[in-house]
N, C-alpha and C. Protein backbone atom coordinates (compact mmCIF):
# COMPACT_ATOMS: atom_id res chain seq x y z
N MET A 1 79.92 95.88 108.17
CA MET A 1 80.77 94.65 108.54
C MET A 1 82.32 95.25 109.14
N ARG A 2 82.63 94.20 110.11
CA ARG A 2 83.84 94.72 110.73
C ARG A 2 84.92 93.86 110.24
N PHE A 3 86.32 94.47 109.98
CA PHE A 3 87.25 93.97 109.53
C PHE A 3 88.25 93.56 110.45
N GLU A 4 88.87 92.19 110.82
CA GLU A 4 89.96 92.21 111.78
C GLU A 4 91.03 91.90 110.90
N ILE A 5 92.11 91.88 111.58
CA ILE A 5 93.50 91.97 111.05
C ILE A 5 93.65 91.00 109.88
N SER A 6 93.32 89.79 110.08
CA SER A 6 93.67 88.42 109.09
C SER A 6 92.64 88.73 107.99
N ASP A 7 91.66 89.34 108.27
CA ASP A 7 90.47 89.83 107.09
C ASP A 7 91.21 90.86 106.32
N TYR A 8 91.74 91.89 106.79
CA TYR A 8 92.45 93.00 106.03
C TYR A 8 93.51 92.28 104.98
N TYR A 9 94.23 91.57 105.52
CA TYR A 9 95.33 90.81 104.65
C TYR A 9 94.63 89.90 103.55
N LEU A 10 93.60 89.09 103.77
CA LEU A 10 92.98 88.30 102.67
C LEU A 10 92.37 89.25 101.85
N TYR A 11 91.64 90.16 102.39
CA TYR A 11 90.67 91.07 101.50
C TYR A 11 91.43 91.71 100.66
N VAL A 12 92.63 92.43 101.06
CA VAL A 12 93.25 93.43 100.52
C VAL A 12 94.05 92.64 99.45
N CYS A 13 94.49 91.27 99.61
CA CYS A 13 95.44 90.73 98.67
C CYS A 13 94.35 90.29 97.70
N THR A 14 93.25 89.72 98.06
CA THR A 14 92.78 88.95 96.93
C THR A 14 91.43 89.52 96.20
N LYS A 15 90.92 90.76 96.82
CA LYS A 15 89.69 91.37 96.32
C LYS A 15 90.00 92.74 95.89
N LYS A 16 90.61 93.59 96.72
CA LYS A 16 90.47 95.05 96.57
C LYS A 16 91.68 95.54 95.77
N ILE A 17 92.69 95.57 96.22
CA ILE A 17 93.95 96.47 95.90
C ILE A 17 94.93 95.76 94.97
N GLY A 18 95.36 96.80 93.90
CA GLY A 18 96.44 96.38 93.11
C GLY A 18 96.08 95.68 91.81
N MET A 19 96.75 96.07 90.78
CA MET A 19 96.30 95.57 89.48
C MET A 19 96.93 94.19 89.58
N SER A 20 96.25 93.44 88.75
CA SER A 20 96.45 91.85 89.00
C SER A 20 97.75 91.51 88.00
N PHE A 21 98.97 91.29 88.85
CA PHE A 21 100.20 91.17 88.12
C PHE A 21 100.50 89.61 88.13
N SER A 22 99.24 88.72 88.40
CA SER A 22 99.92 87.31 88.59
C SER A 22 100.04 86.71 87.16
N PHE A 23 101.23 87.14 86.35
CA PHE A 23 101.10 86.76 84.82
C PHE A 23 101.62 85.49 84.74
N ASN A 24 100.95 84.77 83.59
CA ASN A 24 101.68 83.38 83.68
C ASN A 24 103.10 83.48 83.42
N LYS A 25 103.87 82.55 83.99
CA LYS A 25 105.13 82.89 84.13
C LYS A 25 105.68 82.12 82.81
N GLN A 26 104.93 81.16 82.13
CA GLN A 26 105.49 80.58 80.94
C GLN A 26 105.33 81.76 79.84
N ILE A 27 104.33 82.49 80.11
CA ILE A 27 104.46 83.80 78.95
C ILE A 27 105.41 84.54 79.24
N GLU A 28 105.69 85.25 80.46
CA GLU A 28 107.03 85.89 80.70
C GLU A 28 108.23 85.28 80.28
N GLU A 29 108.56 84.17 80.54
CA GLU A 29 109.66 83.35 80.06
C GLU A 29 110.04 83.17 78.63
N GLU A 30 108.86 83.48 77.86
CA GLU A 30 108.84 83.20 76.31
C GLU A 30 109.24 84.56 75.79
N LEU A 31 108.63 85.48 76.46
CA LEU A 31 108.97 86.97 76.25
C LEU A 31 110.43 87.05 76.29
N VAL A 32 110.86 86.73 77.34
CA VAL A 32 112.30 86.95 77.73
C VAL A 32 113.10 86.24 76.71
N ARG A 33 112.70 84.90 76.37
CA ARG A 33 113.56 84.26 75.54
C ARG A 33 113.46 84.79 73.98
N LYS A 34 112.48 85.42 73.60
CA LYS A 34 112.31 86.12 72.24
C LYS A 34 112.98 87.32 72.37
N ILE A 35 113.09 88.22 73.42
CA ILE A 35 113.83 89.43 73.47
C ILE A 35 115.45 88.96 73.36
N ALA A 36 115.87 88.10 74.03
CA ALA A 36 117.23 87.81 73.83
C ALA A 36 117.29 87.34 72.44
N LEU A 37 116.41 87.10 71.80
CA LEU A 37 116.72 86.74 70.42
C LEU A 37 116.63 87.83 69.57
N GLY A 38 116.38 88.87 70.00
CA GLY A 38 116.14 90.36 69.28
C GLY A 38 114.52 90.66 68.85
N ASP A 39 113.83 89.94 69.57
CA ASP A 39 112.28 90.12 69.05
C ASP A 39 111.81 91.54 69.75
N GLN A 40 111.82 92.63 68.76
CA GLN A 40 111.35 93.91 69.48
C GLN A 40 109.82 93.92 69.76
N ARG A 41 108.95 93.15 69.27
CA ARG A 41 107.55 93.10 69.71
C ARG A 41 107.49 92.48 71.13
N ALA A 42 108.51 91.39 71.38
CA ALA A 42 108.22 90.82 72.76
C ALA A 42 108.93 91.72 73.77
N PHE A 43 109.84 92.75 73.42
CA PHE A 43 110.35 93.68 74.24
C PHE A 43 109.26 94.76 74.62
N GLU A 44 108.40 95.00 73.62
CA GLU A 44 107.26 96.04 73.66
C GLU A 44 106.29 95.43 74.61
N GLY A 45 106.00 93.91 74.43
CA GLY A 45 105.06 93.59 75.48
C GLY A 45 105.48 93.69 77.01
N LEU A 46 107.09 93.23 77.20
CA LEU A 46 107.43 93.44 78.53
C LEU A 46 107.46 94.80 79.16
N TYR A 47 107.88 95.55 78.12
CA TYR A 47 107.59 96.95 78.76
C TYR A 47 106.27 97.38 79.13
N ARG A 48 105.50 97.13 78.31
CA ARG A 48 103.94 97.25 78.74
C ARG A 48 103.46 96.82 79.97
N LEU A 49 104.08 95.63 80.32
CA LEU A 49 103.80 94.89 81.45
C LEU A 49 104.24 95.29 82.76
N TYR A 50 105.46 96.15 82.56
CA TYR A 50 106.24 96.40 83.82
C TYR A 50 106.47 97.92 83.95
N TYR A 51 106.26 98.56 83.04
CA TYR A 51 106.64 100.15 82.86
C TYR A 51 106.15 100.80 84.09
N LYS A 52 104.59 100.70 84.35
CA LYS A 52 103.86 101.62 85.07
C LYS A 52 104.28 101.37 86.69
N ARG A 53 104.34 100.12 87.02
CA ARG A 53 104.65 99.59 88.42
C ARG A 53 106.17 99.73 88.82
N LEU A 54 106.99 99.69 87.97
CA LEU A 54 108.50 100.14 88.05
C LEU A 54 108.57 101.24 88.19
N CYS A 55 107.83 102.56 87.36
CA CYS A 55 107.82 103.85 87.72
C CYS A 55 107.41 104.13 89.16
N GLN A 56 106.56 103.52 89.39
CA GLN A 56 105.98 103.60 90.74
C GLN A 56 107.00 103.04 91.90
N PHE A 57 107.73 102.00 91.71
CA PHE A 57 108.77 101.62 92.59
C PHE A 57 109.75 102.56 92.79
N ALA A 58 110.25 103.04 91.30
CA ALA A 58 111.42 104.03 91.52
C ALA A 58 110.92 105.14 92.23
N PHE A 59 109.78 105.53 92.23
CA PHE A 59 109.15 106.85 92.80
C PHE A 59 109.53 106.78 94.48
N LEU A 60 109.54 105.41 94.97
CA LEU A 60 109.65 105.24 96.34
C LEU A 60 110.86 105.68 96.76
N PHE A 61 111.79 105.55 95.83
CA PHE A 61 113.12 106.03 96.11
C PHE A 61 113.55 107.61 95.75
N LEU A 62 112.91 108.12 94.76
CA LEU A 62 113.34 109.21 94.06
C LEU A 62 112.51 110.41 94.19
N HIS A 63 111.18 109.91 94.67
CA HIS A 63 110.26 111.07 95.06
C HIS A 63 110.12 112.23 94.08
N SER A 64 110.36 111.81 92.58
CA SER A 64 110.13 112.64 91.67
C SER A 64 109.49 111.57 90.18
N LYS A 65 108.53 112.21 89.79
CA LYS A 65 107.62 111.20 88.83
C LYS A 65 108.64 111.20 87.63
N GLU A 66 109.21 112.44 87.25
CA GLU A 66 110.05 112.60 85.94
C GLU A 66 111.24 111.67 86.03
N LEU A 67 112.02 111.78 87.02
CA LEU A 67 113.27 110.83 87.31
C LEU A 67 112.77 109.42 87.34
N SER A 68 111.67 109.39 88.01
CA SER A 68 111.38 107.84 88.10
C SER A 68 111.14 107.36 86.62
N GLU A 69 110.50 108.04 86.11
CA GLU A 69 110.08 107.43 84.69
C GLU A 69 111.59 107.45 83.50
N GLU A 70 112.73 108.33 84.05
CA GLU A 70 113.63 108.33 83.40
C GLU A 70 114.58 107.08 83.93
N ALA A 71 114.56 106.92 85.00
CA ALA A 71 115.26 105.60 85.59
C ALA A 71 114.88 104.41 84.94
N VAL A 72 113.33 104.30 84.69
CA VAL A 72 112.89 102.94 84.48
C VAL A 72 113.30 102.81 82.81
N SER A 73 113.04 104.13 81.87
CA SER A 73 113.49 104.03 80.77
C SER A 73 114.95 103.76 80.64
N ASP A 74 115.70 104.26 81.25
CA ASP A 74 117.12 103.79 81.26
C ASP A 74 117.56 102.31 81.39
N VAL A 75 116.63 101.75 82.49
CA VAL A 75 116.98 100.34 82.68
C VAL A 75 116.34 99.46 81.38
N PHE A 76 115.13 99.89 80.80
CA PHE A 76 114.54 99.41 79.71
C PHE A 76 115.71 99.46 78.41
N PHE A 77 116.15 100.38 78.36
CA PHE A 77 117.11 100.57 77.37
C PHE A 77 118.47 99.91 77.44
N ASN A 78 118.98 99.69 78.80
CA ASN A 78 120.06 98.67 78.82
C ASN A 78 119.51 97.23 78.85
N VAL A 79 118.38 97.00 79.16
CA VAL A 79 117.82 95.32 79.03
C VAL A 79 117.88 95.29 77.36
N TRP A 80 117.35 96.00 76.60
CA TRP A 80 117.47 95.92 74.97
C TRP A 80 118.87 95.87 74.75
N MET A 81 119.82 96.75 74.83
CA MET A 81 120.94 96.66 74.47
C MET A 81 121.88 95.57 74.63
N LYS A 82 121.43 95.13 75.90
CA LYS A 82 122.19 94.08 76.53
C LYS A 82 121.39 92.87 76.72
N ARG A 83 120.52 92.74 75.51
CA ARG A 83 119.52 91.53 75.35
C ARG A 83 120.04 90.11 75.76
N GLU A 84 121.12 89.94 75.12
CA GLU A 84 121.79 88.49 74.99
C GLU A 84 122.01 87.97 76.57
N GLN A 85 122.00 88.89 77.31
CA GLN A 85 122.51 88.30 78.62
C GLN A 85 121.05 87.96 79.50
N LEU A 86 120.00 88.12 78.83
CA LEU A 86 118.74 87.75 79.24
C LEU A 86 118.81 85.97 79.47
N PHE A 87 119.38 85.46 78.47
CA PHE A 87 119.25 83.96 78.39
C PHE A 87 119.57 83.46 80.10
N ARG A 88 120.32 84.29 80.70
CA ARG A 88 121.03 83.75 81.98
C ARG A 88 119.95 84.46 83.14
N VAL A 89 119.15 85.18 82.76
CA VAL A 89 118.07 85.69 83.99
C VAL A 89 116.93 84.73 84.11
N ARG A 90 116.95 84.31 85.53
CA ARG A 90 115.94 83.32 86.04
C ARG A 90 114.45 83.79 86.33
N ASN A 91 114.51 84.95 86.69
CA ASN A 91 113.48 85.71 87.16
C ASN A 91 113.43 87.14 86.67
N ILE A 92 112.63 87.32 85.67
CA ILE A 92 112.90 88.72 85.10
C ILE A 92 112.13 89.75 86.06
N CYS A 93 111.35 89.32 86.67
CA CYS A 93 110.59 90.50 87.76
C CYS A 93 111.57 90.93 88.53
N SER A 94 112.23 89.89 89.45
CA SER A 94 113.25 90.42 90.23
C SER A 94 114.37 90.99 89.73
N TYR A 95 114.86 90.73 88.49
CA TYR A 95 115.64 91.43 87.85
C TYR A 95 115.31 92.74 87.43
N LEU A 96 114.27 93.04 87.01
CA LEU A 96 113.88 94.46 86.51
C LEU A 96 113.71 95.41 87.90
N TYR A 97 113.23 94.90 88.91
CA TYR A 97 113.03 95.66 90.05
C TYR A 97 114.45 96.01 90.66
N SER A 98 115.07 95.00 90.74
CA SER A 98 116.79 95.20 91.13
C SER A 98 117.40 96.31 90.31
N ALA A 99 117.16 96.23 89.26
CA ALA A 99 117.65 97.04 88.17
C ALA A 99 117.58 98.61 88.17
N VAL A 100 116.27 98.68 88.44
CA VAL A 100 115.45 99.88 88.95
C VAL A 100 115.79 100.61 90.33
N ARG A 101 116.21 99.64 91.28
CA ARG A 101 116.42 100.03 92.37
C ARG A 101 117.99 100.51 92.24
N ASN A 102 118.88 99.68 91.77
CA ASN A 102 120.36 100.33 91.65
C ASN A 102 119.97 101.64 90.67
N GLN A 103 119.42 101.55 89.67
CA GLN A 103 119.47 102.91 88.76
C GLN A 103 118.97 104.05 89.77
N ALA A 104 117.89 103.86 90.37
CA ALA A 104 117.58 105.07 91.52
C ALA A 104 118.43 105.35 92.40
N ILE A 105 119.34 104.51 93.09
CA ILE A 105 120.25 104.77 94.22
C ILE A 105 121.28 105.60 93.43
N ASP A 106 121.70 105.20 91.95
CA ASP A 106 122.66 105.83 91.44
C ASP A 106 122.20 107.29 91.09
N TYR A 107 120.95 107.49 90.76
CA TYR A 107 120.37 108.92 90.40
C TYR A 107 120.38 109.78 91.99
N LEU A 108 120.42 109.07 93.01
CA LEU A 108 120.43 109.71 94.40
C LEU A 108 121.98 110.24 94.60
N ARG A 109 122.70 109.60 93.75
CA ARG A 109 124.17 109.96 94.11
C ARG A 109 124.36 111.17 93.22
N THR A 110 124.20 111.22 92.05
CA THR A 110 124.54 112.00 90.85
C THR A 110 123.66 113.04 90.51
N LYS A 111 122.42 113.09 90.79
CA LYS A 111 121.46 114.03 90.43
C LYS A 111 120.70 114.91 91.62
N THR A 112 120.42 116.23 91.06
CA THR A 112 119.71 116.86 92.28
C THR A 112 118.26 116.75 91.96
N ILE A 113 117.61 116.48 92.93
CA ILE A 113 116.23 115.93 93.01
C ILE A 113 115.32 116.96 93.96
N GLN A 114 114.19 117.33 93.06
CA GLN A 114 113.08 118.19 93.83
C GLN A 114 112.24 117.10 94.19
N PRO A 115 111.95 117.25 95.53
CA PRO A 115 111.14 115.85 96.21
C PRO A 115 109.68 116.28 95.90
N GLN A 116 108.69 115.42 95.46
CA GLN A 116 107.37 115.69 95.09
C GLN A 116 106.50 114.87 96.29
N SER A 117 105.08 115.07 96.23
CA SER A 117 104.25 114.42 97.28
C SER A 117 103.97 113.21 96.25
N ASP A 118 104.14 111.94 96.93
CA ASP A 118 103.77 110.74 96.31
C ASP A 118 102.13 110.28 96.57
N ILE A 119 101.12 111.25 96.94
CA ILE A 119 100.00 110.86 97.34
C ILE A 119 99.25 110.14 96.02
N ASN A 120 99.39 110.97 94.93
CA ASN A 120 98.51 110.67 93.57
C ASN A 120 99.43 109.77 92.73
N VAL A 121 100.69 109.79 93.17
CA VAL A 121 101.63 109.11 92.11
C VAL A 121 101.63 107.48 92.31
N TYR A 122 101.50 106.90 93.46
CA TYR A 122 101.51 105.67 93.74
C TYR A 122 100.27 105.24 94.40
N GLU A 123 99.13 105.08 93.86
CA GLU A 123 98.01 104.91 94.39
C GLU A 123 97.49 103.62 94.26
N LEU A 124 96.85 103.00 95.17
CA LEU A 124 96.40 101.72 95.37
C LEU A 124 95.16 101.71 94.23
N GLU A 125 94.91 100.42 93.78
CA GLU A 125 94.09 100.26 92.71
C GLU A 125 93.27 99.26 92.93
N ILE A 126 91.85 99.46 92.52
CA ILE A 126 90.90 98.30 92.63
C ILE A 126 90.35 98.00 91.25
N GLU A 127 89.76 96.99 91.32
CA GLU A 127 88.99 96.33 89.85
C GLU A 127 87.49 96.66 90.18
N CYS A 128 86.88 97.41 89.26
CA CYS A 128 85.49 97.64 89.57
C CYS A 128 84.66 97.28 88.46
N ALA A 129 85.24 95.91 87.70
CA ALA A 129 84.31 95.30 86.78
C ALA A 129 83.18 94.73 87.24
N ASN A 130 81.77 94.69 86.79
CA ASN A 130 80.60 94.31 87.04
C ASN A 130 80.13 94.55 88.21
N LEU A 131 80.54 95.80 88.96
CA LEU A 131 80.03 96.36 90.16
C LEU A 131 78.64 97.15 89.77
N THR A 132 77.99 97.51 90.89
CA THR A 132 76.83 98.31 90.75
C THR A 132 77.46 99.53 91.17
N PRO A 133 76.84 100.89 91.02
CA PRO A 133 77.33 102.12 91.34
C PRO A 133 77.50 102.30 92.68
N ASP A 134 76.65 101.67 93.65
CA ASP A 134 76.83 101.50 95.15
C ASP A 134 78.28 100.78 95.40
N ASN A 135 78.54 99.78 94.95
CA ASN A 135 79.61 99.09 94.90
C ASN A 135 80.79 99.85 94.70
N ILE A 136 80.61 100.49 93.55
CA ILE A 136 81.69 101.08 92.98
C ILE A 136 82.32 102.48 93.99
N ILE A 137 81.06 103.02 94.60
CA ILE A 137 81.39 104.05 95.41
C ILE A 137 82.17 103.58 96.74
N GLU A 138 81.53 102.37 97.16
CA GLU A 138 81.97 101.74 98.50
C GLU A 138 83.63 101.41 98.22
N ASN A 139 83.79 100.73 97.08
CA ASN A 139 85.28 100.19 96.51
C ASN A 139 86.21 101.52 96.74
N GLU A 140 85.66 102.58 96.14
CA GLU A 140 86.65 103.74 95.99
C GLU A 140 86.80 104.48 97.51
N GLN A 141 86.01 104.56 98.18
CA GLN A 141 86.05 104.60 99.72
C GLN A 141 87.11 103.95 100.44
N PHE A 142 86.92 102.59 100.17
CA PHE A 142 87.87 101.69 100.79
C PHE A 142 89.22 101.94 100.31
N ARG A 143 89.57 102.01 99.07
CA ARG A 143 90.75 102.47 98.43
C ARG A 143 91.32 103.79 99.00
N GLU A 144 90.47 104.56 99.23
CA GLU A 144 91.15 106.04 99.59
C GLU A 144 91.18 105.64 101.16
N HIS A 145 90.89 104.95 101.86
CA HIS A 145 91.02 104.43 103.31
C HIS A 145 92.22 104.00 103.30
N MET A 146 92.29 103.03 102.52
CA MET A 146 93.84 102.23 102.49
C MET A 146 94.88 102.93 101.98
N GLN A 147 94.65 103.75 101.28
CA GLN A 147 95.71 104.71 100.69
C GLN A 147 96.11 105.39 101.73
N GLN A 148 95.39 106.08 102.51
CA GLN A 148 95.69 107.14 103.46
C GLN A 148 96.25 106.29 104.74
N ALA A 149 95.96 104.98 105.25
CA ALA A 149 96.44 104.19 106.15
C ALA A 149 97.89 103.86 105.92
N ILE A 150 98.20 103.51 104.54
CA ILE A 150 99.57 102.87 104.10
C ILE A 150 100.46 104.23 104.00
N ASP A 151 99.99 105.28 103.67
CA ASP A 151 100.86 106.58 103.74
C ASP A 151 101.38 106.95 105.01
N LEU A 152 100.59 106.43 106.11
CA LEU A 152 100.88 106.91 107.42
C LEU A 152 102.22 105.67 107.94
N LEU A 153 102.36 104.81 107.03
CA LEU A 153 103.39 103.72 107.67
C LEU A 153 104.83 104.48 107.40
N PRO A 154 105.84 103.92 108.21
CA PRO A 154 107.22 104.30 108.19
C PRO A 154 107.74 104.06 106.81
N GLU A 155 108.77 104.83 106.29
CA GLU A 155 108.82 104.74 104.88
C GLU A 155 109.54 103.53 104.39
N ARG A 156 110.13 102.68 105.06
CA ARG A 156 110.77 101.25 104.76
C ARG A 156 109.34 100.16 104.70
N CYS A 157 108.72 100.26 105.88
CA CYS A 157 107.47 99.70 105.96
C CYS A 157 106.49 99.85 104.68
N ARG A 158 106.21 101.13 104.39
CA ARG A 158 105.36 101.47 103.28
C ARG A 158 105.82 100.72 101.79
N MET A 159 107.25 100.97 101.94
CA MET A 159 107.78 100.51 100.53
C MET A 159 107.41 98.86 100.47
N ILE A 160 107.81 98.21 101.36
CA ILE A 160 107.48 96.81 101.41
C ILE A 160 106.14 96.36 101.25
N ALA A 161 105.16 97.27 102.08
CA ALA A 161 103.72 96.77 101.93
C ALA A 161 103.36 97.17 100.59
N ARG A 162 103.64 98.15 99.90
CA ARG A 162 103.12 98.34 98.33
C ARG A 162 103.65 97.34 97.62
N MET A 163 105.04 96.69 97.81
CA MET A 163 105.64 95.88 96.88
C MET A 163 104.70 94.68 97.02
N HIS A 164 104.42 94.26 97.97
CA HIS A 164 103.61 93.03 98.46
C HIS A 164 102.26 92.97 97.95
N PHE A 165 101.69 94.15 98.80
CA PHE A 165 100.13 94.21 98.19
C PHE A 165 99.86 94.90 97.04
N ASN A 166 100.39 95.71 96.47
CA ASN A 166 99.98 96.39 95.19
C ASN A 166 100.63 95.65 94.01
N ASP A 167 102.02 95.51 94.00
CA ASP A 167 102.70 94.99 92.95
C ASP A 167 102.82 93.19 93.22
N GLN A 168 102.00 92.64 94.15
CA GLN A 168 101.80 91.20 94.37
C GLN A 168 103.27 90.33 94.18
N LEU A 169 104.43 91.07 94.83
CA LEU A 169 105.51 90.45 94.90
C LEU A 169 105.61 89.37 96.18
N GLN A 170 106.22 88.43 96.15
CA GLN A 170 106.36 87.32 97.14
C GLN A 170 107.47 87.82 97.94
N TYR A 171 107.56 87.26 99.40
CA TYR A 171 108.28 87.83 100.48
C TYR A 171 109.89 87.35 99.68
N LYS A 172 110.05 86.49 99.27
CA LYS A 172 111.50 86.05 98.59
C LYS A 172 111.80 87.17 97.60
N GLU A 173 111.05 87.32 96.59
CA GLU A 173 111.43 88.42 95.68
C GLU A 173 111.49 89.70 96.36
N ILE A 174 110.86 90.37 97.18
CA ILE A 174 111.09 91.63 97.71
C ILE A 174 112.52 91.53 98.44
N ALA A 175 112.67 90.14 99.34
CA ALA A 175 113.96 90.21 99.79
C ALA A 175 115.28 90.50 99.13
N GLU A 176 115.08 89.68 98.02
CA GLU A 176 116.14 89.61 96.90
C GLU A 176 116.41 91.13 96.16
N ILE A 177 115.32 91.77 96.02
CA ILE A 177 115.05 92.94 95.37
C ILE A 177 115.96 94.13 96.56
N LEU A 178 115.43 93.99 97.65
CA LEU A 178 115.90 95.20 98.36
C LEU A 178 117.24 94.54 99.25
N ASP A 179 117.81 93.57 98.94
CA ASP A 179 118.82 93.16 99.58
C ASP A 179 118.64 92.78 101.39
N ILE A 180 117.47 92.23 101.71
CA ILE A 180 117.23 92.17 103.02
C ILE A 180 116.81 90.72 103.37
N SER A 181 116.76 90.22 104.53
CA SER A 181 116.39 88.89 104.58
C SER A 181 114.80 88.94 104.49
N ARG A 182 114.35 87.59 104.23
CA ARG A 182 113.19 87.12 104.29
C ARG A 182 112.30 87.44 105.45
N LYS A 183 113.29 87.25 106.88
CA LYS A 183 112.42 87.67 107.91
C LYS A 183 112.23 89.18 108.06
N THR A 184 113.15 89.90 107.52
CA THR A 184 112.76 91.42 107.80
C THR A 184 111.40 91.80 106.93
N VAL A 185 111.40 90.96 105.82
CA VAL A 185 110.21 91.58 104.78
C VAL A 185 108.96 91.04 106.04
N GLU A 186 108.97 89.50 106.37
CA GLU A 186 107.72 89.31 106.97
C GLU A 186 107.39 90.20 108.19
N ALA A 187 108.43 90.61 108.78
CA ALA A 187 108.33 91.34 110.19
C ALA A 187 107.55 92.75 109.78
N GLN A 188 108.04 93.57 108.53
CA GLN A 188 107.70 94.63 108.13
C GLN A 188 106.21 94.48 107.70
N ILE A 189 105.85 93.29 106.97
CA ILE A 189 104.31 93.20 106.40
C ILE A 189 103.57 93.02 107.60
N ALA A 190 104.05 92.46 108.61
CA ALA A 190 103.30 92.09 109.76
C ALA A 190 102.85 93.43 110.66
N ILE A 191 103.93 94.31 110.86
CA ILE A 191 104.04 95.92 111.14
C ILE A 191 102.66 96.27 110.30
N ALA A 192 103.00 96.42 109.18
CA ALA A 192 101.94 97.22 108.10
C ALA A 192 100.66 96.94 108.31
N ILE A 193 100.38 95.41 108.38
CA ILE A 193 99.03 95.02 108.61
C ILE A 193 98.39 95.34 110.10
N ARG A 194 99.36 95.50 110.99
CA ARG A 194 98.80 95.91 112.26
C ARG A 194 98.42 97.36 112.42
N LYS A 195 99.53 97.95 111.86
CA LYS A 195 99.09 99.60 111.70
C LYS A 195 97.94 99.88 110.84
N VAL A 196 97.53 99.30 109.82
CA VAL A 196 96.65 99.60 108.73
C VAL A 196 95.15 99.33 109.69
N ASN A 197 95.32 98.26 110.33
CA ASN A 197 94.05 97.79 111.25
C ASN A 197 93.96 98.74 112.48
N GLU A 198 94.98 99.26 112.78
CA GLU A 198 94.84 100.37 114.05
C GLU A 198 94.31 101.44 113.29
N THR A 199 94.69 102.06 112.10
CA THR A 199 94.28 103.44 111.58
C THR A 199 92.80 103.18 111.28
N PHE A 200 92.50 102.01 110.69
CA PHE A 200 90.95 101.90 110.48
C PHE A 200 90.01 101.85 111.61
N LYS A 201 90.56 101.03 112.71
CA LYS A 201 89.83 101.23 114.00
C LYS A 201 89.79 102.59 114.53
N LYS A 202 90.88 103.27 114.44
CA LYS A 202 90.76 104.57 115.02
C LYS A 202 90.07 105.44 114.33
N ASN A 203 89.70 105.42 112.92
CA ASN A 203 88.78 106.57 112.18
C ASN A 203 87.70 105.73 111.88
N ARG A 204 87.42 104.46 112.74
CA ARG A 204 85.95 103.79 112.32
C ARG A 204 85.68 103.45 111.14
N TRP A 205 86.82 103.36 110.37
CA TRP A 205 86.50 102.87 108.77
C TRP A 205 86.11 101.13 108.78
N ASN A 206 86.34 100.35 109.82
CA ASN A 206 85.97 99.08 109.64
C ASN A 206 84.56 99.03 109.97
N GLN A 207 83.62 99.77 110.31
CA GLN A 207 82.37 99.51 110.52
C GLN A 207 81.31 99.28 109.44
């Protein structure tokens, strides 16, 4: 089967890649409300929902697994210590991502960082439930090819593509988090889709 560019977009977004982060917004809002009131179990729930992907996001800036985890832990510590302020937060997802971005930038200014390879730290993930062994192998090959193709993207394009495809963030959210225009996000996603398609065709992975 051959995939064309639009097929990649739909297939990647809906079937293959990324943990499913389409959480019920009402549940998130309820967690945030409870945290603001001092509910520690709600805080632990929010932590579990976001910790891994926020670490992966921080890594895109810091290129250090240890510092990424430290930065995210600092953010969650501040969230808990200033939990009463959450009553004013409208979008907890954008709030957390923006806080991690700012924390990572602060780390870049103040800490000595030993860069690491990010090949195995921010891997794309696929769901393999109810698949046959052949399907699982096929999906794993697809994931590896997608990982390689996205790793070849320019740094900014790669970051935005991963935020959209892997973290399931909307264009508006990405623009807000990175402090860029929505049109810039749209342009970078279009570039990512085109280049991924070119990489698949070049390596004959789309056959």
